[in-house]
Amino acid sequence: MKSVQITYDAKVKIGTSYERGEACTQLDFLDDKVVESLIADLNAAPAKQSSHWFDLLQTLTFMNMLQGRIFIPTSIKMIQVVAEIPNC
């Protein structure tokens, strides 16, 4: 299991307009094979991306919605493993 940090752009409403900025989310307890797939998908052509990539986009969309932001799906810049979690 791994924890990953994902860096991307999101929009925040300020007054009557939206301002674009960088955001970061950490996801914990991801399966090792899922993490490998997501890292490979980051630079893959859309037709070659796995179903895990779609799941990640949906997760980030909803997480940002709950935080009052708008996730920009084409803006993922980096997926970095930040911790290895031993299997219990």
N, C-alpha and C. Protein backbone atom coordinates (compact mmCIF):
# COMPACT_ATOMS: atom_id res chain seq x y z
N MET A 1 0.84 -1.17 0.00
CA MET A 1 0.00 0.00 0.00
C MET A 1 0.89 1.25 0.00
N LYS A 2 0.37 2.29 -0.65
CA LYS A 2 1.14 3.52 -0.76
C LYS A 2 0.25 4.74 -0.55
N SER A 3 0.88 5.83 -0.16
CA SER A 3 0.23 7.13 -0.13
C SER A 3 0.84 7.94 -1.26
N VAL A 4 -0.01 8.66 -1.98
CA VAL A 4 0.48 9.49 -3.07
C VAL A 4 -0.01 10.92 -2.89
N GLN A 5 0.79 11.84 -3.39
CA GLN A 5 0.43 13.24 -3.41
C GLN A 5 0.24 13.62 -4.88
N ILE A 6 -0.89 14.24 -5.18
CA ILE A 6 -1.22 14.60 -6.56
C ILE A 6 -1.30 16.11 -6.65
N THR A 7 -0.54 16.68 -7.58
CA THR A 7 -0.52 18.13 -7.78
C THR A 7 -1.25 18.45 -9.08
N TYR A 8 -2.12 19.44 -9.04
CA TYR A 8 -2.97 19.78 -10.19
C TYR A 8 -3.45 21.22 -10.04
N ASP A 9 -4.18 21.71 -11.02
CA ASP A 9 -4.78 23.04 -10.94
C ASP A 9 -6.26 22.92 -10.60
N ALA A 10 -6.74 23.92 -9.88
CA ALA A 10 -8.15 24.01 -9.53
C ALA A 10 -8.55 25.49 -9.57
N LYS A 11 -9.84 25.72 -9.66
CA LYS A 11 -10.36 27.08 -9.64
C LYS A 11 -11.13 27.31 -8.34
N VAL A 12 -11.01 28.54 -7.82
CA VAL A 12 -11.72 28.94 -6.62
C VAL A 12 -12.49 30.21 -6.95
N LYS A 13 -13.74 30.27 -6.49
CA LYS A 13 -14.55 31.45 -6.75
C LYS A 13 -14.16 32.55 -5.77
N ILE A 14 -13.80 33.70 -6.34
CA ILE A 14 -13.46 34.87 -5.54
C ILE A 14 -14.34 36.00 -6.05
N GLY A 15 -15.30 36.40 -5.26
CA GLY A 15 -16.27 37.40 -5.70
C GLY A 15 -17.15 36.82 -6.80
N THR A 16 -17.09 37.46 -7.97
CA THR A 16 -17.92 37.00 -9.09
C THR A 16 -17.12 36.24 -10.14
N SER A 17 -15.81 36.07 -9.91
CA SER A 17 -14.99 35.38 -10.90
C SER A 17 -14.27 34.20 -10.25
N TYR A 18 -13.64 33.39 -11.10
CA TYR A 18 -12.89 32.23 -10.62
C TYR A 18 -11.41 32.46 -10.85
N GLU A 19 -10.61 32.12 -9.85
CA GLU A 19 -9.16 32.25 -9.95
C GLU A 19 -8.54 30.86 -9.99
N ARG A 20 -7.65 30.64 -10.97
CA ARG A 20 -6.99 29.35 -11.12
C ARG A 20 -5.70 29.33 -10.31
N GLY A 21 -5.47 28.22 -9.63
CA GLY A 21 -4.25 28.08 -8.84
C GLY A 21 -3.89 26.62 -8.68
N GLU A 22 -2.73 26.38 -8.11
CA GLU A 22 -2.25 25.02 -7.91
C GLU A 22 -2.84 24.44 -6.62
N ALA A 23 -3.19 23.17 -6.66
CA ALA A 23 -3.73 22.47 -5.50
C ALA A 23 -3.01 21.13 -5.37
N CYS A 24 -3.14 20.54 -4.19
CA CYS A 24 -2.49 19.26 -3.94
C CYS A 24 -3.41 18.43 -3.03
N THR A 25 -3.50 17.15 -3.34
CA THR A 25 -4.30 16.23 -2.53
C THR A 25 -3.48 14.99 -2.25
N GLN A 26 -3.59 14.48 -1.04
CA GLN A 26 -2.92 13.23 -0.69
C GLN A 26 -3.96 12.13 -0.56
N LEU A 27 -3.71 11.01 -1.22
CA LEU A 27 -4.57 9.84 -1.12
C LEU A 27 -3.77 8.73 -0.45
N ASP A 28 -4.34 8.15 0.58
CA ASP A 28 -3.67 7.12 1.36
C ASP A 28 -4.25 5.73 1.09
N PHE A 29 -3.45 4.73 1.36
CA PHE A 29 -3.86 3.32 1.29
C PHE A 29 -4.26 2.89 -0.12
N LEU A 30 -3.48 3.30 -1.12
CA LEU A 30 -3.72 2.84 -2.49
C LEU A 30 -2.90 1.59 -2.76
N ASP A 31 -3.49 0.68 -3.50
CA ASP A 31 -2.81 -0.55 -3.89
C ASP A 31 -1.58 -0.21 -4.74
N ASP A 32 -0.49 -0.93 -4.56
CA ASP A 32 0.76 -0.68 -5.30
C ASP A 32 0.55 -0.70 -6.81
N LYS A 33 -0.22 -1.66 -7.31
CA LYS A 33 -0.45 -1.77 -8.75
C LYS A 33 -1.28 -0.60 -9.28
N VAL A 34 -2.20 -0.11 -8.49
CA VAL A 34 -3.00 1.05 -8.88
C VAL A 34 -2.09 2.28 -8.99
N VAL A 35 -1.19 2.45 -8.03
CA VAL A 35 -0.27 3.59 -8.06
C VAL A 35 0.62 3.52 -9.30
N GLU A 36 1.16 2.36 -9.60
CA GLU A 36 2.00 2.19 -10.80
C GLU A 36 1.22 2.55 -12.05
N SER A 37 -0.03 2.11 -12.11
CA SER A 37 -0.89 2.40 -13.26
C SER A 37 -1.14 3.90 -13.40
N LEU A 38 -1.43 4.57 -12.30
CA LEU A 38 -1.70 6.01 -12.34
C LEU A 38 -0.48 6.80 -12.80
N ILE A 39 0.69 6.41 -12.31
CA ILE A 39 1.92 7.11 -12.71
C ILE A 39 2.16 6.91 -14.21
N ALA A 40 1.93 5.71 -14.72
CA ALA A 40 2.07 5.45 -16.16
C ALA A 40 1.03 6.23 -16.96
N ASP A 41 -0.19 6.31 -16.44
CA ASP A 41 -1.28 7.01 -17.13
C ASP A 41 -1.04 8.51 -17.23
N LEU A 42 -0.27 9.08 -16.32
CA LEU A 42 -0.03 10.52 -16.31
C LEU A 42 0.48 11.03 -17.65
N ASN A 43 1.35 10.26 -18.30
CA ASN A 43 1.93 10.68 -19.58
C ASN A 43 1.39 9.89 -20.77
N ALA A 44 0.39 9.07 -20.55
CA ALA A 44 -0.16 8.25 -21.63
C ALA A 44 -1.20 9.03 -22.43
N ALA A 45 -1.38 8.62 -23.66
CA ALA A 45 -2.45 9.19 -24.49
C ALA A 45 -3.79 8.79 -23.88
N PRO A 46 -4.81 9.65 -23.99
CA PRO A 46 -6.11 9.34 -23.37
C PRO A 46 -6.66 7.96 -23.71
N ALA A 47 -6.47 7.51 -24.93
CA ALA A 47 -6.99 6.19 -25.33
C ALA A 47 -6.26 5.05 -24.62
N LYS A 48 -5.07 5.31 -24.09
CA LYS A 48 -4.27 4.28 -23.44
C LYS A 48 -4.37 4.31 -21.91
N GLN A 49 -5.08 5.28 -21.36
CA GLN A 49 -5.17 5.40 -19.91
C GLN A 49 -6.11 4.33 -19.34
N SER A 50 -5.78 3.86 -18.14
CA SER A 50 -6.53 2.79 -17.51
C SER A 50 -7.82 3.31 -16.86
N SER A 51 -8.64 2.37 -16.42
CA SER A 51 -9.86 2.75 -15.71
C SER A 51 -9.53 3.41 -14.38
N HIS A 52 -8.34 3.14 -13.84
CA HIS A 52 -7.93 3.79 -12.59
C HIS A 52 -7.80 5.30 -12.79
N TRP A 53 -7.38 5.70 -13.99
CA TRP A 53 -7.23 7.13 -14.28
C TRP A 53 -8.60 7.82 -14.22
N PHE A 54 -9.61 7.20 -14.80
CA PHE A 54 -10.96 7.75 -14.75
C PHE A 54 -11.44 7.84 -13.29
N ASP A 55 -11.16 6.81 -12.51
CA ASP A 55 -11.53 6.80 -11.09
C ASP A 55 -10.85 7.95 -10.34
N LEU A 56 -9.58 8.19 -10.65
CA LEU A 56 -8.84 9.29 -10.02
C LEU A 56 -9.47 10.63 -10.38
N LEU A 57 -9.80 10.83 -11.66
CA LEU A 57 -10.42 12.09 -12.08
C LEU A 57 -11.74 12.32 -11.36
N GLN A 58 -12.54 11.27 -11.23
CA GLN A 58 -13.82 11.38 -10.52
C GLN A 58 -13.59 11.72 -9.04
N THR A 59 -12.63 11.03 -8.42
CA THR A 59 -12.33 11.27 -7.01
C THR A 59 -11.89 12.71 -6.78
N LEU A 60 -10.98 13.21 -7.61
CA LEU A 60 -10.51 14.59 -7.46
C LEU A 60 -11.63 15.59 -7.73
N THR A 61 -12.49 15.29 -8.69
CA THR A 61 -13.63 16.17 -8.97
C THR A 61 -14.50 16.33 -7.73
N PHE A 62 -14.87 15.21 -7.12
CA PHE A 62 -15.76 15.26 -5.96
C PHE A 62 -15.07 15.83 -4.72
N MET A 63 -13.80 15.48 -4.50
CA MET A 63 -13.08 16.02 -3.34
C MET A 63 -12.98 17.54 -3.43
N ASN A 64 -12.66 18.04 -4.62
CA ASN A 64 -12.54 19.49 -4.78
C ASN A 64 -13.90 20.17 -4.65
N MET A 65 -14.95 19.53 -5.13
CA MET A 65 -16.30 20.08 -4.99
C MET A 65 -16.63 20.27 -3.51
N LEU A 66 -16.29 19.29 -2.69
CA LEU A 66 -16.54 19.37 -1.26
C LEU A 66 -15.69 20.45 -0.58
N GLN A 67 -14.58 20.83 -1.22
CA GLN A 67 -13.70 21.86 -0.68
C GLN A 67 -13.97 23.23 -1.29
N GLY A 68 -15.03 23.33 -2.10
CA GLY A 68 -15.39 24.61 -2.70
C GLY A 68 -14.52 25.01 -3.87
N ARG A 69 -13.90 24.02 -4.51
CA ARG A 69 -13.05 24.30 -5.67
C ARG A 69 -13.57 23.55 -6.87
N ILE A 70 -13.06 23.92 -8.04
CA ILE A 70 -13.37 23.20 -9.28
C ILE A 70 -12.08 22.58 -9.80
N PHE A 71 -12.03 21.27 -9.85
CA PHE A 71 -10.87 20.53 -10.36
C PHE A 71 -10.81 20.65 -11.88
N ILE A 72 -9.62 20.87 -12.41
CA ILE A 72 -9.42 20.95 -13.85
C ILE A 72 -8.78 19.62 -14.29
N PRO A 73 -9.58 18.73 -14.92
CA PRO A 73 -9.13 17.36 -15.20
C PRO A 73 -7.86 17.24 -16.05
N THR A 74 -7.60 18.19 -16.91
CA THR A 74 -6.41 18.09 -17.77
C THR A 74 -5.17 18.71 -17.14
N SER A 75 -5.23 19.04 -15.86
CA SER A 75 -4.15 19.81 -15.25
C SER A 75 -3.25 19.03 -14.30
N ILE A 76 -3.41 17.71 -14.21
CA ILE A 76 -2.58 16.95 -13.26
C ILE A 76 -1.12 17.06 -13.69
N LYS A 77 -0.29 17.55 -12.77
CA LYS A 77 1.13 17.81 -13.07
C LYS A 77 2.05 16.72 -12.54
N MET A 78 1.68 16.16 -11.38
CA MET A 78 2.60 15.22 -10.75
C MET A 78 1.83 14.26 -9.84
N ILE A 79 2.28 13.02 -9.83
CA ILE A 79 1.82 12.03 -8.86
C ILE A 79 3.08 11.49 -8.20
N GLN A 80 3.20 11.73 -6.91
CA GLN A 80 4.41 11.38 -6.19
C GLN A 80 4.09 10.46 -5.02
N VAL A 81 4.82 9.35 -4.91
CA VAL A 81 4.66 8.46 -3.77
C VAL A 81 5.32 9.12 -2.57
N VAL A 82 4.55 9.30 -1.49
CA VAL A 82 5.09 9.97 -0.31
C VAL A 82 5.28 9.03 0.87
N ALA A 83 4.68 7.83 0.80
CA ALA A 83 4.86 6.86 1.88
C ALA A 83 4.52 5.47 1.43
N GLU A 84 5.27 4.52 1.95
CA GLU A 84 4.98 3.09 1.77
C GLU A 84 4.32 2.63 3.06
N ILE A 85 3.16 2.01 2.95
CA ILE A 85 2.43 1.57 4.13
C ILE A 85 2.52 0.05 4.20
N PRO A 86 3.09 -0.49 5.28
CA PRO A 86 3.21 -1.95 5.37
C PRO A 86 1.85 -2.62 5.42
N ASN A 87 1.76 -3.79 4.79
CA ASN A 87 0.51 -4.55 4.83
C ASN A 87 0.28 -5.06 6.24
N CYS A 88 -0.95 -4.93 6.71
CA CYS A 88 -1.27 -5.37 8.08
C CYS A 88 -1.83 -6.78 8.06
